[in-house]
Amino acid sequence: MIKALDEFLPPMWSRENPLDIIGDGGAERYARVFDVLSRFQDYWDIAVVIAVPSAILDPAHLGQEIARFSRNTHKMVIGCILGGDSMKSGERVLRERHIPNYREIDGAFRAVGRALSTRPYMVR
């Protein structure tokens, strides 16, 4: 998976979990990452997609790509689209497609924690 991501991500991307794909890319970069994650589904369990406003990021397009990614996996996909009003079009797409979205990172991770704590195989 790392090799596949190295083919198109900037040299300074994180190469570890969490994947930091660098904030200078648009929805197309997210889409390419989602395509790789879809091919390597044994390498991950939950995707929390965090996005912030940038000059080249179209929030609605990003929302569409997150929705496409969610359709292509049985795993949990959660949006965390930050930036308030400037990102509302992306939030709207996720809401219409019934994909959870959180406006703050801590809310997204609390939701993940709650979901994991309800899994029957979790050790307590």
N, C-alpha and C. Protein backbone atom coordinates (compact mmCIF):
# COMPACT_ATOMS: atom_id res chain seq x y z
N MET A 1 0.82 -1.18 0.00
CA MET A 1 0.00 0.00 0.00
C MET A 1 0.88 1.26 0.00
N ILE A 2 1.92 1.26 0.81
CA ILE A 2 2.82 2.42 0.87
C ILE A 2 3.41 2.70 -0.50
N LYS A 3 3.83 1.65 -1.18
CA LYS A 3 4.42 1.82 -2.51
C LYS A 3 3.41 2.45 -3.48
N ALA A 4 2.16 2.01 -3.41
CA ALA A 4 1.12 2.57 -4.28
C ALA A 4 0.88 4.04 -3.97
N LEU A 5 0.88 4.41 -2.71
CA LEU A 5 0.68 5.81 -2.33
C LEU A 5 1.89 6.66 -2.69
N ASP A 6 3.09 6.08 -2.57
CA ASP A 6 4.32 6.80 -2.93
C ASP A 6 4.33 7.22 -4.39
N GLU A 7 3.59 6.51 -5.23
CA GLU A 7 3.60 6.82 -6.66
C GLU A 7 3.04 8.20 -6.97
N PHE A 8 2.19 8.75 -6.10
CA PHE A 8 1.57 10.03 -6.45
C PHE A 8 1.52 11.05 -5.31
N LEU A 9 1.75 10.63 -4.08
CA LEU A 9 1.71 11.60 -2.98
C LEU A 9 3.03 12.37 -2.91
N PRO A 10 3.00 13.59 -2.37
CA PRO A 10 4.23 14.36 -2.23
C PRO A 10 5.24 13.62 -1.35
N PRO A 11 6.52 13.85 -1.57
CA PRO A 11 7.56 13.12 -0.83
C PRO A 11 7.44 13.24 0.69
N MET A 12 6.84 14.31 1.18
CA MET A 12 6.78 14.51 2.63
C MET A 12 5.52 13.95 3.29
N TRP A 13 4.76 13.10 2.59
CA TRP A 13 3.57 12.52 3.22
C TRP A 13 4.01 11.58 4.34
N SER A 14 3.14 11.27 5.27
CA SER A 14 3.53 10.63 6.53
C SER A 14 4.06 9.20 6.43
N ARG A 15 3.61 8.42 5.48
CA ARG A 15 4.02 7.01 5.33
C ARG A 15 3.71 6.15 6.55
N GLU A 16 2.79 6.59 7.37
CA GLU A 16 2.38 5.80 8.54
C GLU A 16 0.96 6.19 8.92
N ASN A 17 0.44 5.48 9.91
CA ASN A 17 -0.89 5.75 10.40
C ASN A 17 -0.79 6.80 11.50
N PRO A 18 -1.51 7.90 11.43
CA PRO A 18 -2.50 8.22 10.41
C PRO A 18 -1.85 8.72 9.13
N LEU A 19 -2.53 8.48 8.02
CA LEU A 19 -2.03 8.95 6.73
C LEU A 19 -2.22 10.46 6.66
N ASP A 20 -1.15 11.19 6.56
CA ASP A 20 -1.21 12.63 6.33
C ASP A 20 -0.81 12.83 4.88
N ILE A 21 -1.80 13.16 4.05
CA ILE A 21 -1.54 13.25 2.61
C ILE A 21 -1.15 14.67 2.19
N ILE A 22 -0.89 15.53 3.14
CA ILE A 22 -0.44 16.91 2.94
C ILE A 22 -1.61 17.75 2.42
N GLY A 23 -1.79 18.89 3.01
CA GLY A 23 -2.96 19.71 2.76
C GLY A 23 -2.95 20.55 1.51
N ASP A 24 -1.98 20.37 0.64
CA ASP A 24 -1.94 21.20 -0.56
C ASP A 24 -2.60 20.55 -1.76
N GLY A 25 -3.35 19.48 -1.55
CA GLY A 25 -3.99 18.78 -2.66
C GLY A 25 -5.49 19.00 -2.66
N GLY A 26 -6.08 18.77 -3.80
CA GLY A 26 -7.52 18.90 -3.91
C GLY A 26 -8.23 17.56 -3.73
N ALA A 27 -9.50 17.55 -4.10
CA ALA A 27 -10.32 16.35 -3.97
C ALA A 27 -9.76 15.19 -4.79
N GLU A 28 -9.06 15.51 -5.87
CA GLU A 28 -8.48 14.46 -6.71
C GLU A 28 -7.44 13.65 -5.94
N ARG A 29 -6.65 14.32 -5.11
CA ARG A 29 -5.65 13.60 -4.31
C ARG A 29 -6.35 12.67 -3.32
N TYR A 30 -7.37 13.18 -2.66
CA TYR A 30 -8.15 12.31 -1.77
C TYR A 30 -8.70 11.11 -2.54
N ALA A 31 -9.24 11.36 -3.72
CA ALA A 31 -9.83 10.28 -4.52
C ALA A 31 -8.80 9.21 -4.84
N ARG A 32 -7.60 9.61 -5.18
CA ARG A 32 -6.56 8.62 -5.48
C ARG A 32 -6.18 7.82 -4.24
N VAL A 33 -6.11 8.49 -3.10
CA VAL A 33 -5.84 7.78 -1.84
C VAL A 33 -6.98 6.80 -1.55
N PHE A 34 -8.22 7.24 -1.74
CA PHE A 34 -9.36 6.35 -1.51
C PHE A 34 -9.30 5.14 -2.43
N ASP A 35 -8.87 5.33 -3.66
CA ASP A 35 -8.75 4.20 -4.59
C ASP A 35 -7.73 3.18 -4.07
N VAL A 36 -6.61 3.67 -3.56
CA VAL A 36 -5.60 2.77 -3.00
C VAL A 36 -6.15 2.06 -1.77
N LEU A 37 -6.78 2.79 -0.88
CA LEU A 37 -7.35 2.17 0.32
C LEU A 37 -8.39 1.12 -0.05
N SER A 38 -9.14 1.37 -1.10
CA SER A 38 -10.14 0.39 -1.55
C SER A 38 -9.48 -0.89 -2.03
N ARG A 39 -8.30 -0.77 -2.62
CA ARG A 39 -7.57 -1.96 -3.10
C ARG A 39 -6.89 -2.72 -1.96
N PHE A 40 -6.59 -2.04 -0.87
CA PHE A 40 -5.84 -2.64 0.24
C PHE A 40 -6.69 -2.64 1.52
N GLN A 41 -7.86 -3.19 1.46
CA GLN A 41 -8.78 -3.12 2.60
C GLN A 41 -8.35 -3.95 3.80
N ASP A 42 -7.41 -4.86 3.61
CA ASP A 42 -6.92 -5.63 4.76
C ASP A 42 -5.96 -4.81 5.63
N TYR A 43 -5.59 -3.63 5.18
CA TYR A 43 -4.60 -2.82 5.90
C TYR A 43 -5.23 -1.77 6.81
N TRP A 44 -6.53 -1.65 6.82
CA TRP A 44 -7.17 -0.62 7.64
C TRP A 44 -8.57 -1.07 8.05
N ASP A 45 -9.09 -0.44 9.10
CA ASP A 45 -10.42 -0.78 9.60
C ASP A 45 -11.40 0.38 9.56
N ILE A 46 -10.93 1.56 9.85
CA ILE A 46 -11.79 2.74 9.91
C ILE A 46 -11.05 3.88 9.22
N ALA A 47 -11.77 4.63 8.40
CA ALA A 47 -11.19 5.82 7.77
C ALA A 47 -11.89 7.06 8.32
N VAL A 48 -11.13 7.90 8.98
CA VAL A 48 -11.62 9.21 9.40
C VAL A 48 -10.97 10.20 8.44
N VAL A 49 -11.77 10.76 7.56
CA VAL A 49 -11.27 11.66 6.52
C VAL A 49 -11.34 13.08 7.06
N ILE A 50 -10.17 13.65 7.33
CA ILE A 50 -10.09 15.00 7.88
C ILE A 50 -9.69 15.94 6.75
N ALA A 51 -10.47 17.01 6.60
CA ALA A 51 -10.19 17.98 5.54
C ALA A 51 -10.36 19.39 6.08
N VAL A 52 -9.51 20.26 5.62
CA VAL A 52 -9.57 21.68 5.99
C VAL A 52 -9.64 22.50 4.71
N PRO A 53 -10.15 23.72 4.79
CA PRO A 53 -10.24 24.55 3.60
C PRO A 53 -8.87 24.83 3.00
N SER A 54 -8.83 24.88 1.70
CA SER A 54 -7.63 25.32 0.99
C SER A 54 -8.07 25.95 -0.32
N ALA A 55 -7.15 26.66 -0.94
CA ALA A 55 -7.49 27.37 -2.17
C ALA A 55 -7.88 26.43 -3.30
N ILE A 56 -7.39 25.19 -3.27
CA ILE A 56 -7.67 24.29 -4.39
C ILE A 56 -8.63 23.15 -4.04
N LEU A 57 -9.16 23.13 -2.83
CA LEU A 57 -10.06 22.05 -2.44
C LEU A 57 -11.51 22.48 -2.64
N ASP A 58 -12.22 21.76 -3.50
CA ASP A 58 -13.65 21.98 -3.70
C ASP A 58 -14.38 21.07 -2.71
N PRO A 59 -15.01 21.64 -1.69
CA PRO A 59 -15.63 20.81 -0.65
C PRO A 59 -16.71 19.87 -1.18
N ALA A 60 -17.52 20.32 -2.13
CA ALA A 60 -18.57 19.44 -2.68
C ALA A 60 -17.95 18.26 -3.41
N HIS A 61 -16.90 18.52 -4.17
CA HIS A 61 -16.21 17.43 -4.87
C HIS A 61 -15.61 16.45 -3.86
N LEU A 62 -15.02 16.98 -2.80
CA LEU A 62 -14.48 16.10 -1.76
C LEU A 62 -15.60 15.25 -1.15
N GLY A 63 -16.73 15.87 -0.85
CA GLY A 63 -17.86 15.11 -0.30
C GLY A 63 -18.28 13.99 -1.23
N GLN A 64 -18.30 14.27 -2.53
CA GLN A 64 -18.66 13.23 -3.51
C GLN A 64 -17.64 12.10 -3.51
N GLU A 65 -16.37 12.44 -3.38
CA GLU A 65 -15.33 11.41 -3.37
C GLU A 65 -15.39 10.58 -2.09
N ILE A 66 -15.68 11.22 -0.96
CA ILE A 66 -15.84 10.46 0.28
C ILE A 66 -17.02 9.51 0.15
N ALA A 67 -18.11 9.98 -0.45
CA ALA A 67 -19.30 9.13 -0.64
C ALA A 67 -18.98 7.96 -1.56
N ARG A 68 -18.22 8.21 -2.61
CA ARG A 68 -17.84 7.13 -3.53
C ARG A 68 -16.99 6.10 -2.80
N PHE A 69 -16.05 6.57 -2.01
CA PHE A 69 -15.19 5.69 -1.22
C PHE A 69 -16.04 4.85 -0.26
N SER A 70 -16.96 5.49 0.41
CA SER A 70 -17.82 4.78 1.37
C SER A 70 -18.64 3.69 0.67
N ARG A 71 -19.10 3.97 -0.54
CA ARG A 71 -19.86 2.96 -1.31
C ARG A 71 -19.00 1.76 -1.68
N ASN A 72 -17.70 1.98 -1.82
CA ASN A 72 -16.79 0.93 -2.30
C ASN A 72 -16.15 0.12 -1.18
N THR A 73 -16.63 0.28 0.04
CA THR A 73 -16.07 -0.48 1.16
C THR A 73 -17.17 -0.83 2.14
N HIS A 74 -16.97 -1.90 2.86
CA HIS A 74 -17.90 -2.26 3.94
C HIS A 74 -17.41 -1.70 5.28
N LYS A 75 -16.28 -1.04 5.26
CA LYS A 75 -15.68 -0.53 6.49
C LYS A 75 -16.23 0.86 6.83
N MET A 76 -15.99 1.27 8.06
CA MET A 76 -16.50 2.55 8.54
C MET A 76 -15.72 3.71 7.92
N VAL A 77 -16.47 4.65 7.36
CA VAL A 77 -15.90 5.88 6.81
C VAL A 77 -16.61 7.04 7.50
N ILE A 78 -15.83 7.92 8.10
CA ILE A 78 -16.36 9.07 8.82
C ILE A 78 -15.71 10.33 8.26
N GLY A 79 -16.52 11.33 8.02
CA GLY A 79 -15.99 12.62 7.59
C GLY A 79 -15.70 13.50 8.78
N CYS A 80 -14.69 14.31 8.64
CA CYS A 80 -14.37 15.34 9.63
C CYS A 80 -13.97 16.56 8.81
N ILE A 81 -14.99 17.21 8.26
CA ILE A 81 -14.76 18.35 7.39
C ILE A 81 -14.77 19.61 8.26
N LEU A 82 -13.60 20.17 8.41
CA LEU A 82 -13.41 21.34 9.26
C LEU A 82 -13.48 22.61 8.42
N GLY A 83 -13.81 23.72 9.02
CA GLY A 83 -13.76 24.97 8.29
C GLY A 83 -15.08 25.72 8.24
N GLY A 84 -16.09 25.20 8.92
CA GLY A 84 -17.35 25.92 9.02
C GLY A 84 -18.02 26.19 7.69
N ASP A 85 -18.50 27.42 7.53
CA ASP A 85 -19.30 27.77 6.37
C ASP A 85 -18.59 27.54 5.04
N SER A 86 -17.28 27.69 5.02
CA SER A 86 -16.55 27.53 3.76
C SER A 86 -16.58 26.09 3.25
N MET A 87 -16.94 25.15 4.12
CA MET A 87 -16.94 23.73 3.74
C MET A 87 -18.34 23.13 3.75
N LYS A 88 -19.38 23.97 3.85
CA LYS A 88 -20.75 23.48 3.97
C LYS A 88 -21.19 22.61 2.80
N SER A 89 -20.72 22.90 1.60
CA SER A 89 -21.17 22.10 0.46
C SER A 89 -20.69 20.65 0.57
N GLY A 90 -19.52 20.44 1.12
CA GLY A 90 -19.03 19.08 1.35
C GLY A 90 -19.80 18.39 2.46
N GLU A 91 -20.09 19.13 3.52
CA GLU A 91 -20.89 18.58 4.61
C GLU A 91 -22.27 18.16 4.11
N ARG A 92 -22.85 18.98 3.25
CA ARG A 92 -24.18 18.69 2.70
C ARG A 92 -24.18 17.38 1.93
N VAL A 93 -23.16 17.16 1.11
CA VAL A 93 -23.07 15.91 0.34
C VAL A 93 -23.04 14.72 1.30
N LEU A 94 -22.23 14.79 2.34
CA LEU A 94 -22.15 13.68 3.28
C LEU A 94 -23.48 13.46 3.99
N ARG A 95 -24.13 14.53 4.40
CA ARG A 95 -25.42 14.42 5.07
C ARG A 95 -26.45 13.74 4.15
N GLU A 96 -26.49 14.17 2.89
CA GLU A 96 -27.43 13.60 1.93
C GLU A 96 -27.16 12.12 1.68
N ARG A 97 -25.91 11.71 1.80
CA ARG A 97 -25.52 10.31 1.57
C ARG A 97 -25.46 9.50 2.87
N HIS A 98 -25.90 10.11 3.96
CA HIS A 98 -25.96 9.43 5.27
C HIS A 98 -24.59 8.96 5.76
N ILE A 99 -23.58 9.78 5.50
CA ILE A 99 -22.22 9.50 5.98
C ILE A 99 -21.96 10.43 7.16
N PRO A 100 -21.60 9.88 8.30
CA PRO A 100 -21.37 10.74 9.46
C PRO A 100 -20.27 11.76 9.20
N ASN A 101 -20.50 12.97 9.66
CA ASN A 101 -19.50 14.02 9.54
C ASN A 101 -19.46 14.80 10.84
N TYR A 102 -18.27 15.14 11.24
CA TYR A 102 -18.07 15.90 12.47
C TYR A 102 -17.30 17.16 12.14
N ARG A 103 -17.70 18.27 12.75
CA ARG A 103 -17.05 19.55 12.51
C ARG A 103 -15.84 19.75 13.41
N GLU A 104 -15.61 18.81 14.31
CA GLU A 104 -14.44 18.89 15.20
C GLU A 104 -13.82 17.51 15.31
N ILE A 105 -12.51 17.46 15.35
CA ILE A 105 -11.79 16.19 15.36
C ILE A 105 -12.15 15.35 16.59
N ASP A 106 -12.26 15.99 17.74
CA ASP A 106 -12.55 15.19 18.94
C ASP A 106 -13.91 14.51 18.84
N GLY A 107 -14.88 15.12 18.20
CA GLY A 107 -16.18 14.49 18.01
C GLY A 107 -16.09 13.26 17.13
N ALA A 108 -15.28 13.34 16.08
CA ALA A 108 -15.10 12.19 15.19
C ALA A 108 -14.47 11.02 15.94
N PHE A 109 -13.46 11.30 16.74
CA PHE A 109 -12.79 10.21 17.43
C PHE A 109 -13.59 9.67 18.61
N ARG A 110 -14.42 10.51 19.21
CA ARG A 110 -15.34 9.99 20.23
C ARG A 110 -16.33 9.02 19.58
N ALA A 111 -16.81 9.36 18.38
CA ALA A 111 -17.74 8.47 17.67
C ALA A 111 -17.07 7.15 17.34
N VAL A 112 -15.82 7.19 16.90
CA VAL A 112 -15.08 5.96 16.63
C VAL A 112 -14.95 5.14 17.91
N GLY A 113 -14.61 5.79 19.00
CA GLY A 113 -14.48 5.09 20.28
C GLY A 113 -15.77 4.42 20.70
N ARG A 114 -16.89 5.13 20.53
CA ARG A 114 -18.19 4.53 20.88
C ARG A 114 -18.49 3.33 19.99
N ALA A 115 -18.20 3.46 18.70
CA ALA A 115 -18.46 2.35 17.78
C ALA A 115 -17.62 1.14 18.15
N LEU A 116 -16.36 1.37 18.45
CA LEU A 116 -15.48 0.26 18.80
C LEU A 116 -15.88 -0.39 20.12
N SER A 117 -16.34 0.41 21.06
CA SER A 117 -16.69 -0.16 22.37
C SER A 117 -17.93 -1.04 22.30
N THR A 118 -18.70 -0.92 21.25
CA THR A 118 -19.90 -1.75 21.13
C THR A 118 -19.65 -3.04 20.35
N ARG A 119 -18.46 -3.18 19.79
CA ARG A 119 -18.15 -4.41 19.06
C ARG A 119 -18.03 -5.57 20.04
N PRO A 120 -18.63 -6.71 19.72
CA PRO A 120 -18.65 -7.82 20.66
C PRO A 120 -17.28 -8.40 20.98
N TYR A 121 -16.31 -8.25 20.10
CA TYR A 121 -15.01 -8.86 20.34
C TYR A 121 -14.05 -7.96 21.09
N MET A 122 -14.48 -6.77 21.45
CA MET A 122 -13.59 -5.86 22.17
C MET A 122 -13.30 -6.43 23.56
N VAL A 123 -12.05 -6.39 23.94
CA VAL A 123 -11.63 -6.84 25.26
C VAL A 123 -11.79 -5.67 26.22
N ARG A 124 -12.43 -5.93 27.34
CA ARG A 124 -12.63 -4.84 28.32
C ARG A 124 -11.89 -5.15 29.58
